[in-house]
Structures are given as C-alpha cells and as structure tokens.
PDB file of N, CA and C in Angstrom:
ATOM      1  N   SER A   1       5.759  12.211 -30.296  1.00  0.00           N
ATOM      2  CA  SER A   1       7.084  11.810 -29.839  1.00  0.00           C
ATOM      3  C   SER A   1       7.405  12.381 -28.472  1.00  0.00           C
ATOM      4  N   GLN A   2       8.274  11.742 -27.758  1.00  0.00           N
ATOM      5  CA  GLN A   2       8.728  12.291 -26.526  1.00  0.00           C
ATOM      6  C   GLN A   2       9.386  13.659 -26.696  1.00  0.00           C
ATOM      7  N   GLN A   3      10.022  13.870 -27.812  1.00  0.00           N
ATOM      8  CA  GLN A   3      10.599  15.104 -28.096  1.00  0.00           C
ATOM      9  C   GLN A   3       9.657  16.223 -28.077  1.00  0.00           C
ATOM     10  N   ALA A   4       8.402  15.966 -28.562  1.00  0.00           N
ATOM     11  CA  ALA A   4       7.368  17.053 -28.593  1.00  0.00           C
ATOM     12  C   ALA A   4       6.794  17.317 -27.186  1.00  0.00           C
ATOM     13  N   TYR A   5       6.893  16.400 -26.256  1.00  0.00           N
ATOM     14  CA  TYR A   5       6.308  16.559 -24.923  1.00  0.00           C
ATOM     15  C   TYR A   5       7.271  16.887 -23.849  1.00  0.00           C
ATOM     16  N   HIS A   6       8.566  16.868 -24.213  1.00  0.00           N
ATOM     17  CA  HIS A   6       9.587  17.143 -23.200  1.00  0.00           C
ATOM     18  C   HIS A   6       9.519  18.630 -22.819  1.00  0.00           C
ATOM     19  N   VAL A   7       8.967  18.968 -21.663  1.00  0.00           N
ATOM     20  CA  VAL A   7       8.779  20.309 -21.181  1.00  0.00           C
ATOM     21  C   VAL A   7       9.683  20.566 -20.011  1.00  0.00           C
ATOM     22  N   PRO A   8      10.788  21.177 -20.175  1.00  0.00           N
ATOM     23  CA  PRO A   8      11.586  21.538 -18.980  1.00  0.00           C
ATOM     24  C   PRO A   8      10.849  22.605 -18.144  1.00  0.00           C
ATOM     25  N   MET A   9      10.942  22.427 -16.826  1.00  0.00           N
ATOM     26  CA  MET A   9      10.230  23.383 -15.937  1.00  0.00           C
ATOM     27  C   MET A   9      11.346  24.079 -15.184  1.00  0.00           C
ATOM     28  N   PHE A  10      11.175  25.403 -15.159  1.00  0.00           N
ATOM     29  CA  PHE A  10      12.210  26.206 -14.428  1.00  0.00           C
ATOM     30  C   PHE A  10      11.548  27.009 -13.332  1.00  0.00           C
ATOM     31  N   ILE A  11      12.156  27.052 -12.209  1.00  0.00           N
ATOM     32  CA  ILE A  11      11.583  27.880 -11.095  1.00  0.00           C
ATOM     33  C   ILE A  11      12.740  28.830 -10.768  1.00  0.00           C
ATOM     34  N   TRP A  12      12.414  30.128 -10.725  1.00  0.00           N
ATOM     35  CA  TRP A  12      13.377  31.184 -10.311  1.00  0.00           C
ATOM     36  C   TRP A  12      13.182  31.445  -8.878  1.00  0.00           C
ATOM     37  N   TYR A  13      14.294  31.445  -8.167  1.00  0.00           N
ATOM     38  CA  TYR A  13      14.295  31.758  -6.763  1.00  0.00           C
ATOM     39  C   TYR A  13      14.895  33.094  -6.498  1.00  0.00           C
ATOM     40  N   SER A  14      14.239  33.979  -5.837  1.00  0.00           N
ATOM     41  CA  SER A  14      14.784  35.227  -5.506  1.00  0.00           C
ATOM     42  C   SER A  14      15.937  35.084  -4.516  1.00  0.00           C
ATOM     43  N   PRO A  15      17.007  35.858  -4.680  1.00  0.00           N
ATOM     44  CA  PRO A  15      18.125  35.849  -3.667  1.00  0.00           C
ATOM     45  C   PRO A  15      17.642  36.214  -2.309  1.00  0.00           C
ATOM     46  N   VAL A  16      16.510  36.973  -2.216  1.00  0.00           N
ATOM     47  CA  VAL A  16      15.965  37.374  -0.933  1.00  0.00           C
ATOM     48  C   VAL A  16      15.626  36.174  -0.039  1.00  0.00           C
ATOM     49  N   LEU A  17      15.341  35.033  -0.655  1.00  0.00           N
ATOM     50  CA  LEU A  17      14.909  33.826   0.078  1.00  0.00           C
ATOM     51  C   LEU A  17      16.051  33.268   0.890  1.00  0.00           C
ATOM     52  N   GLY A  18      17.252  33.549   0.598  1.00  0.00           N
ATOM     53  CA  GLY A  18      18.375  33.112   1.347  1.00  0.00           C
ATOM     54  C   GLY A  18      18.819  31.697   0.994  1.00  0.00           C
ATOM     55  N   ASP A  19      19.763  31.147   1.804  1.00  0.00           N
ATOM     56  CA  ASP A  19      20.408  29.868   1.441  1.00  0.00           C
ATOM     57  C   ASP A  19      19.588  28.652   1.928  1.00  0.00           C
ATOM     58  N   GLY A  20      18.544  28.898   2.766  1.00  0.00           N
ATOM     59  CA  GLY A  20      17.749  27.727   3.246  1.00  0.00           C
ATOM     60  C   GLY A  20      16.713  27.139   2.323  1.00  0.00           C
ATOM     61  N   VAL A  21      16.669  27.675   1.070  1.00  0.00           N
ATOM     62  CA  VAL A  21      15.720  27.181   0.083  1.00  0.00           C
ATOM     63  C   VAL A  21      16.272  26.095  -0.731  1.00  0.00           C
ATOM     64  N   ASP A  22      15.570  24.949  -0.882  1.00  0.00           N
ATOM     65  CA  ASP A  22      16.077  23.821  -1.654  1.00  0.00           C
ATOM     66  C   ASP A  22      16.044  24.216  -3.102  1.00  0.00           C
ATOM     67  N   ARG A  23      17.291  24.202  -3.718  1.00  0.00           N
ATOM     68  CA  ARG A  23      17.341  24.552  -5.125  1.00  0.00           C
ATOM     69  C   ARG A  23      17.878  23.374  -5.934  1.00  0.00           C
ATOM     70  N   THR A  24      17.630  22.135  -5.447  1.00  0.00           N
ATOM     71  CA  THR A  24      18.172  20.985  -6.190  1.00  0.00           C
ATOM     72  C   THR A  24      17.456  20.803  -7.566  1.00  0.00           C
ATOM     73  N   THR A  25      18.111  20.047  -8.413  1.00  0.00           N
ATOM     74  CA  THR A  25      17.558  19.774  -9.739  1.00  0.00           C
ATOM     75  C   THR A  25      16.865  18.443  -9.649  1.00  0.00           C
ATOM     76  N   GLU A  26      15.704  18.346 -10.201  1.00  0.00           N
ATOM     77  CA  GLU A  26      14.959  17.086 -10.252  1.00  0.00           C
ATOM     78  C   GLU A  26      14.916  16.721 -11.718  1.00  0.00           C
ATOM     79  N   ASN A  27      15.389  15.477 -12.041  1.00  0.00           N
ATOM     80  CA  ASN A  27      15.362  15.004 -13.427  1.00  0.00           C
ATOM     81  C   ASN A  27      14.394  13.888 -13.726  1.00  0.00           C
ATOM     82  N   ASP A  28      13.545  13.599 -12.732  1.00  0.00           N
ATOM     83  CA  ASP A  28      12.533  12.515 -12.952  1.00  0.00           C
ATOM     84  C   ASP A  28      11.457  13.038 -13.868  1.00  0.00           C
ATOM     85  N   ILE A  29      10.842  12.086 -14.572  1.00  0.00           N
ATOM     86  CA  ILE A  29       9.712  12.436 -15.378  1.00  0.00           C
ATOM     87  C   ILE A  29       8.579  12.728 -14.497  1.00  0.00           C
ATOM     88  N   PHE A  30       7.834  13.808 -14.746  1.00  0.00           N
ATOM     89  CA  PHE A  30       6.665  14.207 -13.997  1.00  0.00           C
ATOM     90  C   PHE A  30       5.611  14.620 -14.986  1.00  0.00           C
ATOM     91  N   SER A  31       4.417  14.157 -14.790  1.00  0.00           N
ATOM     92  CA  SER A  31       3.408  14.453 -15.787  1.00  0.00           C
ATOM     93  C   SER A  31       3.013  15.898 -15.674  1.00  0.00           C
ATOM     94  N   THR A  32       2.886  16.546 -16.844  1.00  0.00           N
ATOM     95  CA  THR A  32       2.451  17.916 -16.856  1.00  0.00           C
ATOM     96  C   THR A  32       0.900  18.033 -16.708  1.00  0.00           C
ATOM     97  N   ALA A  33       0.248  16.917 -16.672  1.00  0.00           N
ATOM     98  CA  ALA A  33      -1.241  16.865 -16.468  1.00  0.00           C
ATOM     99  C   ALA A  33      -1.614  17.386 -15.071  1.00  0.00           C
ATOM    100  N   TYR A  34      -0.653  17.430 -14.171  1.00  0.00           N
ATOM    101  CA  TYR A  34      -0.926  17.797 -12.769  1.00  0.00           C
ATOM    102  C   TYR A  34      -0.351  19.105 -12.421  1.00  0.00           C
ATOM    103  N   ASN A  35       0.040  19.913 -13.356  1.00  0.00           N
ATOM    104  CA  ASN A  35       0.695  21.252 -13.031  1.00  0.00           C
ATOM    105  C   ASN A  35      -0.252  22.164 -12.132  1.00  0.00           C
ATOM    106  N   ASN A  36      -1.546  22.088 -12.472  1.00  0.00           N
ATOM    107  CA  ASN A  36      -2.448  22.877 -11.632  1.00  0.00           C
ATOM    108  C   ASN A  36      -2.418  22.474 -10.210  1.00  0.00           C
ATOM    109  N   TYR A  37      -2.281  21.203  -9.898  1.00  0.00           N
ATOM    110  CA  TYR A  37      -2.184  20.686  -8.495  1.00  0.00           C
ATOM    111  C   TYR A  37      -0.896  21.194  -7.857  1.00  0.00           C
ATOM    112  N   LEU A  38       0.165  21.202  -8.600  1.00  0.00           N
ATOM    113  CA  LEU A  38       1.415  21.674  -8.138  1.00  0.00           C
ATOM    114  C   LEU A  38       1.329  23.163  -7.816  1.00  0.00           C
ATOM    115  N   ILE A  39       0.788  23.909  -8.708  1.00  0.00           N
ATOM    116  CA  ILE A  39       0.612  25.431  -8.526  1.00  0.00           C
ATOM    117  C   ILE A  39      -0.277  25.654  -7.341  1.00  0.00           C
ATOM    118  N   ASN A  40      -1.433  24.937  -7.220  1.00  0.00           N
ATOM    119  CA  ASN A  40      -2.317  25.114  -6.143  1.00  0.00           C
ATOM    120  C   ASN A  40      -1.676  24.890  -4.795  1.00  0.00           C
ATOM    121  N   ALA A  41      -0.929  23.785  -4.699  1.00  0.00           N
ATOM    122  CA  ALA A  41      -0.269  23.417  -3.441  1.00  0.00           C
ATOM    123  C   ALA A  41       0.794  24.437  -3.121  1.00  0.00           C
ATOM    124  N   TRP A  42       1.503  24.934  -4.107  1.00  0.00           N
ATOM    125  CA  TRP A  42       2.537  25.893  -3.884  1.00  0.00           C
ATOM    126  C   TRP A  42       2.010  27.215  -3.371  1.00  0.00           C
ATOM    127  N   MET A  43       0.848  27.557  -3.904  1.00  0.00           N
ATOM    128  CA  MET A  43       0.131  28.839  -3.476  1.00  0.00           C
ATOM    129  C   MET A  43      -0.727  28.623  -2.233  1.00  0.00           C
ATOM    130  N   GLY A  44      -0.968  27.416  -1.814  1.00  0.00           N
ATOM    131  CA  GLY A  44      -1.746  27.220  -0.641  1.00  0.00           C
ATOM    132  C   GLY A  44      -3.259  27.277  -0.887  1.00  0.00           C
ATOM    133  N   VAL A  45      -3.685  27.041  -2.128  1.00  0.00           N
ATOM    134  CA  VAL A  45      -5.117  27.245  -2.466  1.00  0.00           C
ATOM    135  C   VAL A  45      -5.671  25.936  -3.007  1.00  0.00           C
ATOM    136  N   THR A  46      -5.525  24.854  -2.213  1.00  0.00           N
ATOM    137  CA  THR A  46      -6.002  23.490  -2.589  1.00  0.00           C
ATOM    138  C   THR A  46      -7.454  23.242  -2.130  1.00  0.00           C
ATOM    139  N   LYS A  47      -8.079  22.322  -2.818  1.00  0.00           N
ATOM    140  CA  LYS A  47      -9.369  21.841  -2.420  1.00  0.00           C
ATOM    141  C   LYS A  47      -9.182  20.678  -1.473  1.00  0.00           C
ATOM    142  N   PRO A  48     -10.108  20.362  -0.619  1.00  0.00           N
ATOM    143  CA  PRO A  48      -9.953  19.275   0.333  1.00  0.00           C
ATOM    144  C   PRO A  48      -9.552  17.917  -0.295  1.00  0.00           C
ATOM    145  N   GLU A  49      -9.991  17.659  -1.465  1.00  0.00           N
ATOM    146  CA  GLU A  49      -9.752  16.325  -2.119  1.00  0.00           C
ATOM    147  C   GLU A  49      -8.389  16.310  -2.776  1.00  0.00           C
ATOM    148  N   GLN A  50      -7.675  17.421  -2.885  1.00  0.00           N
ATOM    149  CA  GLN A  50      -6.409  17.520  -3.571  1.00  0.00           C
ATOM    150  C   GLN A  50      -5.259  17.352  -2.583  1.00  0.00           C
ATOM    151  N   PRO A  51      -4.117  16.867  -3.015  1.00  0.00           N
ATOM    152  CA  PRO A  51      -2.929  16.790  -2.169  1.00  0.00           C
ATOM    153  C   PRO A  51      -2.629  18.215  -1.756  1.00  0.00           C
ATOM    154  N   GLN A  52      -2.319  18.395  -0.479  1.00  0.00           N
ATOM    155  CA  GLN A  52      -2.217  19.741   0.138  1.00  0.00           C
ATOM    156  C   GLN A  52      -0.858  20.419   0.077  1.00  0.00           C
ATOM    157  N   THR A  53       0.144  19.649  -0.116  1.00  0.00           N
ATOM    158  CA  THR A  53       1.546  20.218  -0.136  1.00  0.00           C
ATOM    159  C   THR A  53       2.255  19.764  -1.435  1.00  0.00           C
ATOM    160  N   LEU A  54       3.299  20.484  -1.732  1.00  0.00           N
ATOM    161  CA  LEU A  54       4.100  20.117  -2.933  1.00  0.00           C
ATOM    162  C   LEU A  54       4.606  18.655  -2.751  1.00  0.00           C
ATOM    163  N   GLU A  55       5.058  18.312  -1.577  1.00  0.00           N
ATOM    164  CA  GLU A  55       5.536  16.982  -1.335  1.00  0.00           C
ATOM    165  C   GLU A  55       4.501  15.916  -1.555  1.00  0.00           C
ATOM    166  N   GLU A  56       3.214  16.201  -1.128  1.00  0.00           N
ATOM    167  CA  GLU A  56       2.106  15.286  -1.316  1.00  0.00           C
ATOM    168  C   GLU A  56       1.803  15.123  -2.782  1.00  0.00           C
ATOM    169  N   VAL A  57       1.808  16.165  -3.549  1.00  0.00           N
ATOM    170  CA  VAL A  57       1.608  16.152  -4.993  1.00  0.00           C
ATOM    171  C   VAL A  57       2.575  15.312  -5.693  1.00  0.00           C
ATOM    172  N   ILE A  58       3.883  15.586  -5.335  1.00  0.00           N
ATOM    173  CA  ILE A  58       5.013  14.838  -6.011  1.00  0.00           C
ATOM    174  C   ILE A  58       4.951  13.364  -5.661  1.00  0.00           C
ATOM    175  N   ALA A  59       4.672  13.013  -4.314  1.00  0.00           N
ATOM    176  CA  ALA A  59       4.579  11.637  -3.968  1.00  0.00           C
ATOM    177  C   ALA A  59       3.415  10.947  -4.601  1.00  0.00           C
ATOM    178  N   HIS A  60       2.293  11.615  -4.683  1.00  0.00           N
ATOM    179  CA  HIS A  60       1.110  10.997  -5.214  1.00  0.00           C
ATOM    180  C   HIS A  60       1.238  10.693  -6.684  1.00  0.00           C
ATOM    181  N   TYR A  61       1.889  11.558  -7.440  1.00  0.00           N
ATOM    182  CA  TYR A  61       2.004  11.348  -8.946  1.00  0.00           C
ATOM    183  C   TYR A  61       3.325  10.920  -9.417  1.00  0.00           C
ATOM    184  N   LYS A  62       4.251  10.604  -8.452  1.00  0.00           N
ATOM    185  CA  LYS A  62       5.615  10.093  -8.870  1.00  0.00           C
ATOM    186  C   LYS A  62       5.488   8.883  -9.788  1.00  0.00           C
ATOM    187  N   GLY A  63       6.215   8.926 -10.838  1.00  0.00           N
ATOM    188  CA  GLY A  63       6.145   7.789 -11.813  1.00  0.00           C
ATOM    189  C   GLY A  63       5.092   7.901 -12.812  1.00  0.00           C
ATOM    190  N   ASP A  64       4.150   8.810 -12.635  1.00  0.00           N
ATOM    191  CA  ASP A  64       3.150   8.974 -13.634  1.00  0.00           C
ATOM    192  C   ASP A  64       3.729   9.762 -14.788  1.00  0.00           C
ATOM    193  N   SER A  65       3.627   9.196 -15.994  1.00  0.00           N
ATOM    194  CA  SER A  65       4.194   9.937 -17.093  1.00  0.00           C
ATOM    195  C   SER A  65       3.236  10.286 -18.192  1.00  0.00           C
ATOM    196  N   ARG A  66       1.983  10.504 -17.778  1.00  0.00           N
ATOM    197  CA  ARG A  66       0.947  10.900 -18.760  1.00  0.00           C
ATOM    198  C   ARG A  66       1.142  12.326 -19.166  1.00  0.00           C
ATOM    199  N   VAL A  67       0.959  12.590 -20.494  1.00  0.00           N
ATOM    200  CA  VAL A  67       0.990  13.955 -21.003  1.00  0.00           C
ATOM    201  C   VAL A  67      -0.254  14.231 -21.766  1.00  0.00           C
ATOM    202  N   VAL A  68      -0.634  15.463 -21.839  1.00  0.00           N
ATOM    203  CA  VAL A  68      -1.877  15.927 -22.443  1.00  0.00           C
ATOM    204  C   VAL A  68      -1.552  16.829 -23.630  1.00  0.00           C
ATOM    205  N   ASP A  69      -2.237  16.589 -24.777  1.00  0.00           N
ATOM    206  CA  ASP A  69      -2.005  17.465 -25.941  1.00  0.00           C
ATOM    207  C   ASP A  69      -3.072  18.575 -26.000  1.00  0.00           C
ATOM    208  N   ALA A  70      -2.993  19.435 -26.970  1.00  0.00           N
ATOM    209  CA  ALA A  70      -3.943  20.551 -27.078  1.00  0.00           C
ATOM    210  C   ALA A  70      -5.382  20.120 -27.259  1.00  0.00           C
ATOM    211  N   ASN A  71      -5.633  18.920 -27.710  1.00  0.00           N
ATOM    212  CA  ASN A  71      -6.956  18.392 -27.850  1.00  0.00           C
ATOM    213  C   ASN A  71      -7.420  17.639 -26.615  1.00  0.00           C
ATOM    214  N   HIS A  72      -6.648  17.737 -25.545  1.00  0.00           N
ATOM    215  CA  HIS A  72      -6.892  17.002 -24.228  1.00  0.00           C
ATOM    216  C   HIS A  72      -6.870  15.518 -24.422  1.00  0.00           C
ATOM    217  N   ASP A  73      -6.148  15.036 -25.398  1.00  0.00           N
ATOM    218  CA  ASP A  73      -5.901  13.554 -25.534  1.00  0.00           C
ATOM    219  C   ASP A  73      -4.748  13.269 -24.606  1.00  0.00           C
ATOM    220  N   VAL A  74      -4.830  12.153 -23.916  1.00  0.00           N
ATOM    221  CA  VAL A  74      -3.768  11.777 -22.897  1.00  0.00           C
ATOM    222  C   VAL A  74      -2.935  10.572 -23.495  1.00  0.00           C
ATOM    223  N   PHE A  75      -1.644  10.774 -23.357  1.00  0.00           N
ATOM    224  CA  PHE A  75      -0.718   9.764 -23.838  1.00  0.00           C
ATOM    225  C   PHE A  75       0.313   9.428 -22.699  1.00  0.00           C
ATOM    226  N   ASP A  76       0.850   8.266 -22.713  1.00  0.00           N
ATOM    227  CA  ASP A  76       1.904   7.849 -21.804  1.00  0.00           C
ATOM    228  C   ASP A  76       3.238   8.232 -22.462  1.00  0.00           C
ATOM    229  N   PHE A  77       3.921   9.142 -21.845  1.00  0.00           N
ATOM    230  CA  PHE A  77       5.214   9.684 -22.311  1.00  0.00           C
ATOM    231  C   PHE A  77       6.198   8.532 -22.644  1.00  0.00           C
ATOM    232  N   VAL A  78       6.271   7.566 -21.677  1.00  0.00           N
ATOM    233  CA  VAL A  78       7.240   6.522 -21.915  1.00  0.00           C
ATOM    234  C   VAL A  78       6.924   5.670 -23.128  1.00  0.00           C
ATOM    235  N   MET A  79       5.702   5.570 -23.552  1.00  0.00           N
ATOM    236  CA  MET A  79       5.332   4.753 -24.686  1.00  0.00           C
ATOM    237  C   MET A  79       5.465   5.525 -26.004  1.00  0.00           C
ATOM    238  N   LEU A  80       5.648   6.811 -25.946  1.00  0.00           N
ATOM    239  CA  LEU A  80       5.852   7.501 -27.197  1.00  0.00           C
ATOM    240  C   LEU A  80       7.296   7.250 -27.800  1.00  0.00           C
ATOM    241  N   ARG A  81       7.367   7.350 -29.069  1.00  0.00           N
ATOM    242  CA  ARG A  81       8.670   7.276 -29.693  1.00  0.00           C
ATOM    243  C   ARG A  81       9.575   8.382 -29.250  1.00  0.00           C
ATOM    244  N   LYS A  82      10.854   8.148 -29.284  1.00  0.00           N
ATOM    245  CA  LYS A  82      11.783   9.170 -28.718  1.00  0.00           C
ATOM    246  C   LYS A  82      11.809  10.444 -29.556  1.00  0.00           C
ATOM    247  N   GLU A  83      11.948  10.312 -30.917  1.00  0.00           N
ATOM    248  CA  GLU A  83      12.086  11.359 -31.842  1.00  0.00           C
ATOM    249  C   GLU A  83      10.889  11.336 -32.798  1.00  0.00           C
ATOM    250  N   PHE A  84      10.503  12.553 -33.259  1.00  0.00           N
ATOM    251  CA  PHE A  84       9.448  12.600 -34.245  1.00  0.00           C
ATOM    252  C   PHE A  84       9.808  11.838 -35.542  1.00  0.00           C
ATOM    253  N   THR A  85      11.060  11.750 -35.868  1.00  0.00           N
ATOM    254  CA  THR A  85      11.448  11.060 -37.126  1.00  0.00           C
ATOM    255  C   THR A  85      11.851   9.637 -36.958  1.00  0.00           C
ATOM    256  N   GLU A  86      11.169   8.980 -35.990  1.00  0.00           N
ATOM    257  CA  GLU A  86      11.348   7.539 -35.787  1.00  0.00           C
ATOM    258  C   GLU A  86       9.968   6.827 -35.857  1.00  0.00           C
ATOM    259  N   ASP A  87      10.036   5.515 -36.144  1.00  0.00           N
ATOM    260  CA  ASP A  87       8.833   4.720 -36.091  1.00  0.00           C
ATOM    261  C   ASP A  87       8.778   4.216 -34.643  1.00  0.00           C
ATOM    262  N   LYS A  88       7.738   3.389 -34.394  1.00  0.00           N
ATOM    263  CA  LYS A  88       7.527   2.921 -32.988  1.00  0.00           C
ATOM    264  C   LYS A  88       8.656   2.018 -32.516  1.00  0.00           C
ATOM    265  N   GLN A  89       9.423   1.484 -33.416  1.00  0.00           N
ATOM    266  CA  GLN A  89      10.528   0.576 -33.021  1.00  0.00           C
ATOM    267  C   GLN A  89      11.818   1.359 -32.866  1.00  0.00           C
ATOM    268  N   GLY A  90      11.814   2.675 -33.104  1.00  0.00           N
ATOM    269  CA  GLY A  90      13.047   3.467 -32.972  1.00  0.00           C
ATOM    270  C   GLY A  90      13.802   3.605 -34.265  1.00  0.00           C
ATOM    271  N   ASN A  91      13.288   3.106 -35.338  1.00  0.00           N
ATOM    272  CA  ASN A  91      14.024   3.210 -36.623  1.00  0.00           C
ATOM    273  C   ASN A  91      13.714   4.517 -37.331  1.00  0.00           C
ATOM    274  N   PRO A  92      14.662   5.163 -37.971  1.00  0.00           N
ATOM    275  CA  PRO A  92      14.417   6.368 -38.583  1.00  0.00           C
ATOM    276  C   PRO A  92      13.415   6.201 -39.757  1.00  0.00           C
ATOM    277  N   THR A  93      12.519   7.252 -39.830  1.00  0.00           N
ATOM    278  CA  THR A  93      11.553   7.176 -40.923  1.00  0.00           C
ATOM    279  C   THR A  93      12.134   7.889 -42.116  1.00  0.00           C
ATOM    280  N   PRO A  94      11.531   7.702 -43.312  1.00  0.00           N
ATOM    281  CA  PRO A  94      12.173   8.330 -44.536  1.00  0.00           C
ATOM    282  C   PRO A  94      12.403   9.793 -44.379  1.00  0.00           C
ATOM    283  N   GLU A  95      11.512  10.578 -43.707  1.00  0.00           N
ATOM    284  CA  GLU A  95      11.771  11.994 -43.538  1.00  0.00           C
ATOM    285  C   GLU A  95      12.942  12.277 -42.592  1.00  0.00           C
ATOM    286  N   GLY A  96      13.310  11.264 -41.776  1.00  0.00           N
ATOM    287  CA  GLY A  96      14.371  11.450 -40.851  1.00  0.00           C
ATOM    288  C   GLY A  96      15.682  11.041 -41.361  1.00  0.00           C
ATOM    289  N   GLN A  97      15.708  10.360 -42.518  1.00  0.00           N
ATOM    290  CA  GLN A  97      16.988   9.928 -43.097  1.00  0.00           C
ATOM    291  C   GLN A  97      17.508  11.007 -44.031  1.00  0.00           C
ATOM    292  N   GLY A  98      18.743  10.991 -44.186  1.00  0.00           N
ATOM    293  CA  GLY A  98      19.262  11.944 -45.163  1.00  0.00           C
ATOM    294  C   GLY A  98      20.563  12.416 -44.840  1.00  0.00           C
TER     295      GLY A  98
END
C-alpha cells in the first residue's frame, strides 16, 4: 500500500548556515530508489554517468514514483492501493471493516 511506502524525508539545517539557505517544503512524490544519487550529489561524490547536482537529480527523476521493498522488488507508488486495508479498487477489506 502507499501507506507502507510513504517515507517523509527531513533535512535539518544548522542555524550557522544563515538565512540564504533554501528551506522550502517539497510535497511532490519522489522515488526513494534514487536516495543514493541525491546523497552523492549533495556530498559532491558523483560518478561521471550520474547527475552531478541536487537540481539535476531532482529534474532527472521528477515524476518517477517507483519504490523498492526489502526484497529489492520495484513497485509504482501511484499504482499501489492507498491503505493496507483496501482492495485495489479502494474498497475496505474485511480486516479493515469494523
């Protein structure tokens, strides 16, 4: 379900950085399958074939909603049911009723 894969990401910014740092909130869906690329770009340790900046990573994968489970199976977040206790049509399942 989408509920199981909804992973909020938080970034803490030190006050030492000052007011010039962009602290806006992004609510778009972003695939967690590319977290390593984001981290690499943020730290400046990218490979030549990877997007080199955070902006390039975000632009390249914008709209991609794939998620990966612990077995490395890939699913499209948008196609998953919203809640664990729903069927694929969004109807409550017996364990979700009550």
